C-alpha atoms as a PDB file:
ATOM      1  CA  MET A   1     -35.336 -10.358  11.331  1.00  0.00           C
ATOM      2  CA  MET A   2     -34.647  -6.586  11.303  1.00  0.00           C
ATOM      3  CA  GLU A   3     -36.555  -4.565   8.857  1.00  0.00           C
ATOM      4  CA  ARG A   4     -34.572  -2.296   6.594  1.00  0.00           C
ATOM      5  CA  THR A   5     -35.614   1.226   6.233  1.00  0.00           C
ATOM      6  CA  PRO A   6     -34.687   2.929   3.015  1.00  0.00           C
ATOM      7  CA  THR A   7     -32.721   6.131   3.394  1.00  0.00           C
ATOM      8  CA  THR A   8     -31.830   8.866   1.054  1.00  0.00           C
ATOM      9  CA  VAL A   9     -28.207   9.943   1.417  1.00  0.00           C
ATOM     10  CA  PRO A  10     -27.428  13.228  -0.392  1.00  0.00           C
ATOM     11  CA  VAL A  11     -24.217  13.816  -2.387  1.00  0.00           C
ATOM     12  CA  PRO A  12     -21.668  15.221   0.118  1.00  0.00           C
ATOM     13  CA  ALA A  13     -21.655  19.037   0.082  1.00  0.00           C
ATOM     14  CA  TYR A  14     -18.707  20.579  -1.752  1.00  0.00           C
ATOM     15  CA  ASN A  15     -15.942  21.614   0.641  1.00  0.00           C
ATOM     16  CA  ALA A  16     -13.374  23.952  -0.907  1.00  0.00           C
ATOM     17  CA  ALA A  17     -11.415  24.155   2.331  1.00  0.00           C
ATOM     18  CA  GLU A  18     -10.935  20.389   2.449  1.00  0.00           C
ATOM     19  CA  PRO A  19     -10.933  19.086  -1.149  1.00  0.00           C
ATOM     20  CA  ARG A  20      -9.262  15.760  -0.381  1.00  0.00           C
ATOM     21  CA  LEU A  21     -11.753  15.006   2.394  1.00  0.00           C
ATOM     22  CA  TRP A  22     -14.580  15.976  -0.015  1.00  0.00           C
ATOM     23  CA  PHE A  23     -13.339  13.502  -2.666  1.00  0.00           C
ATOM     24  CA  GLU A  24     -12.984  10.765   0.024  1.00  0.00           C
ATOM     25  CA  LEU A  25     -16.554  11.439   1.183  1.00  0.00           C
ATOM     26  CA  LEU A  26     -17.710  11.153  -2.454  1.00  0.00           C
ATOM     27  CA  GLU A  27     -15.997   7.810  -2.698  1.00  0.00           C
ATOM     28  CA  VAL A  28     -17.764   6.553   0.412  1.00  0.00           C
ATOM     29  CA  PHE A  29     -21.038   7.922  -1.014  1.00  0.00           C
ATOM     30  CA  PHE A  30     -20.536   6.200  -4.402  1.00  0.00           C
ATOM     31  CA  GLU A  31     -19.730   2.953  -2.679  1.00  0.00           C
ATOM     32  CA  TYR A  32     -22.847   3.169  -0.477  1.00  0.00           C
ATOM     33  CA  ARG A  33     -25.006   3.933  -3.509  1.00  0.00           C
ATOM     34  CA  ASN A  34     -23.216   1.375  -5.736  1.00  0.00           C
ATOM     35  CA  VAL A  35     -22.258   4.026  -8.277  1.00  0.00           C
ATOM     36  CA  VAL A  36     -19.476   2.609 -10.500  1.00  0.00           C
ATOM     37  CA  ASP A  37     -19.919   4.481 -13.754  1.00  0.00           C
ATOM     38  CA  GLU A  38     -17.303   7.289 -14.079  1.00  0.00           C
ATOM     39  CA  SER A  39     -19.506   9.644 -16.019  1.00  0.00           C
ATOM     40  CA  THR A  40     -22.274   9.301 -13.344  1.00  0.00           C
ATOM     41  CA  LYS A  41     -19.721   9.945 -10.560  1.00  0.00           C
ATOM     42  CA  LEU A  42     -18.528  13.084 -12.383  1.00  0.00           C
ATOM     43  CA  TYR A  43     -22.051  14.365 -12.893  1.00  0.00           C
ATOM     44  CA  MET A  44     -22.904  13.778  -9.226  1.00  0.00           C
ATOM     45  CA  ALA A  45     -19.728  15.424  -8.055  1.00  0.00           C
ATOM     46  CA  VAL A  46     -20.226  18.516 -10.245  1.00  0.00           C
ATOM     47  CA  SER A  47     -23.891  18.682  -9.172  1.00  0.00           C
ATOM     48  CA  ALA A  48     -22.669  19.260  -5.524  1.00  0.00           C
ATOM     49  CA  MET A  49     -20.314  22.110  -6.548  1.00  0.00           C
ATOM     50  CA  PRO A  50     -21.281  25.764  -6.632  1.00  0.00           C
ATOM     51  CA  ASP A  51     -21.201  27.610  -9.917  1.00  0.00           C
ATOM     52  CA  GLU A  52     -18.101  29.501  -8.855  1.00  0.00           C
ATOM     53  CA  ALA A  53     -16.040  26.357  -8.294  1.00  0.00           C
ATOM     54  CA  ILE A  54     -17.272  24.886 -11.594  1.00  0.00           C
ATOM     55  CA  SER A  55     -16.129  28.058 -13.365  1.00  0.00           C
ATOM     56  CA  GLU A  56     -12.729  27.955 -11.629  1.00  0.00           C
ATOM     57  CA  PHE A  57     -12.101  24.391 -12.685  1.00  0.00           C
ATOM     58  CA  ARG A  58     -14.064  24.510 -15.977  1.00  0.00           C
ATOM     59  CA  ASP A  59     -10.996  23.655 -18.145  1.00  0.00           C
ATOM     60  CA  ILE A  60     -10.362  20.491 -16.126  1.00  0.00           C
ATOM     61  CA  LEU A  61     -14.017  19.527 -16.262  1.00  0.00           C
ATOM     62  CA  ILE A  62     -14.165  20.065 -20.067  1.00  0.00           C
ATOM     63  CA  ALA A  63     -10.979  17.933 -20.526  1.00  0.00           C
ATOM     64  CA  ALA A  64     -12.139  15.136 -18.214  1.00  0.00           C
ATOM     65  CA  VAL A  65     -15.541  14.672 -19.827  1.00  0.00           C
ATOM     66  CA  PHE A  66     -14.084  13.205 -23.003  1.00  0.00           C
ATOM     67  CA  LEU A  67     -11.605  10.819 -21.320  1.00  0.00           C
ATOM     68  CA  ARG A  68     -12.073   7.174 -20.441  1.00  0.00           C
ATOM     69  CA  ASN A  69     -12.277   7.772 -16.651  1.00  0.00           C
ATOM     70  CA  PRO A  70     -13.744  11.255 -16.371  1.00  0.00           C
ATOM     71  CA  PHE A  71     -14.291  11.334 -12.581  1.00  0.00           C
ATOM     72  CA  THR A  72     -10.936   9.897 -11.727  1.00  0.00           C
ATOM     73  CA  THR A  73      -9.238  12.346 -14.122  1.00  0.00           C
ATOM     74  CA  PHE A  74     -11.164  15.315 -12.751  1.00  0.00           C
ATOM     75  CA  ARG A  75     -10.353  14.383  -9.213  1.00  0.00           C
ATOM     76  CA  LEU A  76      -6.593  13.961  -9.999  1.00  0.00           C
ATOM     77  CA  LEU A  77      -6.320  17.201 -11.987  1.00  0.00           C
ATOM     78  CA  TYR A  78      -8.362  19.128  -9.512  1.00  0.00           C
ATOM     79  CA  LEU A  79      -6.290  18.013  -6.526  1.00  0.00           C
ATOM     80  CA  ARG A  80      -3.004  18.574  -8.454  1.00  0.00           C
ATOM     81  CA  ARG A  81      -4.030  22.174  -9.165  1.00  0.00           C
ATOM     82  CA  ILE A  82      -5.057  22.807  -5.538  1.00  0.00           C
ATOM     83  CA  LEU A  83      -1.754  21.341  -4.305  1.00  0.00           C
ATOM     84  CA  ARG A  84       0.195  23.554  -6.768  1.00  0.00           C
ATOM     85  CA  ALA A  85      -1.708  26.656  -5.737  1.00  0.00           C
ATOM     86  CA  ASN A  86      -1.162  25.899  -2.057  1.00  0.00           C
ATOM     87  CA  LYS A  87       2.542  25.386  -2.652  1.00  0.00           C
ATOM     88  CA  GLN A  88       2.819  28.750  -4.405  1.00  0.00           C
ATOM     89  CA  ARG A  89       1.088  30.542  -1.532  1.00  0.00           C
ATOM     90  CA  THR A  90       3.540  29.068   0.999  1.00  0.00           C
ATOM     91  CA  GLN A  91       6.643  30.086  -0.960  1.00  0.00           C
END
């Protein structure tokens, strides 16, 4: 029988250049760590973000905290805003 070695896997580092990839990596991390609580997911995601990013998306964060699915809401609104900003830059 193979012995299991406990490992510590850190929260994926924030990646402003690839936000969709970052959120996907967070989902893999949450699954690996068996994190299902939305508030915990949000806390862990925000803890990986630099202060500048938190400030930039503070309105979304504040709105998401009080909703039923705070992490899912934050992810959706964050990606929507990034997509809109990218569209405006390409026009």
